[in-house]
Amino acid sequence: QLQLVESGGGSVQPGGSLRLSCAASGFTLGRYAIGWFRQAPGKEREGVSCISSSGGNTKYADSVKGRFTISRDNAKNTVYLQMNNLKPEDTAIYYCAAVVVQAMCVIGPTPSDFGSWGQGTQVTVSS
């Protein structure tokens, strides 16, 4: 069974940093593009970033460009999201999910195109 587990969330002040991890079990992560998504209270889940299976292609939502960096270590079966200069509007539950079709990273990432969702990790940015 494909399973993704997120970790690394927490509470930070504005301007702070966190690094989220998305670890895979039950399958080889290197076959999949991985997307990071977030959902704030009362809002729809939105795509934050995506990385192709090789790591050669990445995409970011405009709201996080220049602040967030996605990367992966296929040998460790893990994808990371480095979040710097965090803002209160980044507060949300962050999820990772997988997709085989690499194009879904390029044209998205859109939540409905991805599967094997993790349970999420809470990120709170507040002074």
Protein backbone atom coordinates (compact mmCIF):
# COMPACT_ATOMS: atom_id res chain seq x y z
CA GLN A 1 0.00 0.00 0.00
CA LEU A 2 1.36 3.38 -1.00
CA GLN A 3 1.76 5.62 2.00
CA LEU A 4 3.21 9.09 2.49
CA VAL A 5 3.98 10.59 5.88
CA GLU A 6 4.58 14.30 6.41
CA SER A 7 6.61 15.72 9.29
CA GLY A 8 8.42 18.89 10.30
CA GLY A 9 5.53 21.21 10.94
CA GLY A 10 5.35 23.48 13.95
CA SER A 11 4.79 27.00 15.19
CA VAL A 12 7.11 29.81 14.17
CA GLN A 13 7.13 33.59 14.18
CA PRO A 14 6.82 35.56 10.96
CA GLY A 15 10.11 35.49 9.11
CA GLY A 16 11.01 32.11 10.51
CA SER A 17 11.79 28.87 8.69
CA LEU A 18 10.66 25.27 8.71
CA ARG A 19 11.60 22.22 6.66
CA LEU A 20 8.87 19.74 5.92
CA SER A 21 9.58 16.15 4.98
CA CYS A 22 7.46 13.72 3.01
CA ALA A 23 8.59 10.14 3.48
CA ALA A 24 7.30 7.22 1.44
CA SER A 25 6.71 3.67 2.58
CA GLY A 26 5.53 0.71 0.59
CA PHE A 27 6.75 2.05 -2.73
CA THR A 28 9.71 3.63 -4.48
CA LEU A 29 9.25 7.36 -4.40
CA GLY A 30 11.54 7.85 -7.37
CA ARG A 31 8.82 6.78 -9.82
CA TYR A 32 6.51 9.61 -8.82
CA ALA A 33 6.25 13.34 -9.07
CA ILE A 34 5.44 14.70 -5.63
CA GLY A 35 3.32 17.70 -4.84
CA TRP A 36 2.99 19.73 -1.67
CA PHE A 37 -0.41 21.17 -0.89
CA ARG A 38 -1.91 23.14 1.95
CA GLN A 39 -5.31 23.79 3.39
CA ALA A 40 -6.14 26.65 5.70
CA PRO A 41 -9.29 26.68 7.84
CA GLY A 42 -12.33 27.45 5.74
CA LYS A 43 -10.38 27.37 2.49
CA GLU A 44 -9.94 24.87 -0.28
CA ARG A 45 -6.80 22.78 -0.57
CA GLU A 46 -4.30 24.46 -2.87
CA GLY A 47 -1.12 23.43 -4.64
CA VAL A 48 2.08 24.88 -3.22
CA SER A 49 4.87 23.18 -5.10
CA CYS A 50 5.71 20.14 -7.16
CA ILE A 51 8.83 18.24 -8.17
CA SER A 52 9.29 15.73 -10.96
CA SER A 53 10.43 12.18 -10.28
CA SER A 54 14.04 12.98 -11.18
CA GLY A 55 14.02 16.32 -9.40
CA GLY A 56 14.87 18.10 -12.61
CA ASN A 57 11.65 20.08 -12.81
CA THR A 58 9.99 22.06 -10.07
CA LYS A 59 7.03 24.38 -9.85
CA TYR A 60 5.83 26.85 -7.25
CA ALA A 61 2.67 28.76 -6.53
CA ASP A 62 3.18 32.50 -7.00
CA SER A 63 2.51 33.06 -3.31
CA VAL A 64 5.59 31.05 -2.25
CA LYS A 65 8.06 31.72 -5.07
CA GLY A 66 11.39 32.89 -3.75
CA ARG A 67 10.58 31.69 -0.22
CA PHE A 68 9.97 27.94 -0.54
CA THR A 69 12.26 25.35 -2.10
CA ILE A 70 11.25 21.80 -2.96
CA SER A 71 13.84 19.05 -3.24
CA ARG A 72 14.06 15.29 -3.09
CA ASP A 73 16.43 12.53 -2.11
CA ASN A 74 15.26 9.40 -3.86
CA ALA A 75 17.87 7.31 -2.08
CA LYS A 76 16.15 8.26 1.18
CA ASN A 77 12.67 7.99 -0.36
CA THR A 78 11.94 11.51 0.87
CA VAL A 79 10.85 14.86 -0.53
CA TYR A 80 11.45 18.11 1.32
CA LEU A 81 9.90 21.54 1.39
CA GLN A 82 12.17 24.23 2.81
CA MET A 83 10.06 27.20 3.86
CA ASN A 84 11.79 30.48 4.59
CA ASN A 85 10.49 33.93 5.45
CA LEU A 86 7.22 32.45 6.60
CA LYS A 87 4.17 34.67 6.76
CA PRO A 88 0.95 34.37 8.77
CA GLU A 89 -0.91 33.54 5.56
CA ASP A 90 1.23 30.40 5.24
CA THR A 91 -0.59 28.96 8.23
CA ALA A 92 -2.26 25.73 7.13
CA ILE A 93 -2.09 21.98 7.22
CA TYR A 94 0.48 20.88 4.67
CA TYR A 95 0.08 17.65 2.74
CA CYS A 96 2.16 15.76 0.22
CA ALA A 97 0.80 13.51 -2.49
CA ALA A 98 2.07 11.53 -5.45
CA VAL A 99 1.33 11.24 -9.15
CA VAL A 100 2.85 9.03 -11.85
CA VAL A 101 2.11 11.34 -14.77
CA GLN A 102 4.86 13.95 -14.65
CA ALA A 103 2.84 16.46 -16.64
CA MET A 104 0.56 16.91 -13.64
CA CYS A 105 3.42 18.76 -12.01
CA VAL A 106 3.89 21.07 -14.96
CA ILE A 107 0.25 22.02 -15.39
CA GLY A 108 -0.61 22.00 -11.68
CA PRO A 109 -0.26 20.85 -9.08
CA THR A 110 -3.99 20.30 -8.69
CA PRO A 111 -5.15 18.24 -5.72
CA SER A 112 -7.60 16.12 -7.72
CA ASP A 113 -4.77 14.85 -9.94
CA PHE A 114 -2.76 13.42 -7.05
CA GLY A 115 -3.15 10.41 -4.78
CA SER A 116 -1.67 8.56 -1.82
CA TRP A 117 -2.17 11.54 0.44
CA GLY A 118 -0.41 11.77 3.76
CA GLN A 119 -2.14 12.78 6.99
CA GLY A 120 -0.74 16.31 6.92
CA THR A 121 1.43 18.40 9.23
CA GLN A 122 0.33 21.65 10.83
CA VAL A 123 2.27 24.85 10.15
CA THR A 124 1.37 27.90 12.24
CA VAL A 125 2.97 31.28 11.68
CA SER A 126 2.11 33.79 14.35
CA SER A 127 3.71 36.44 16.49
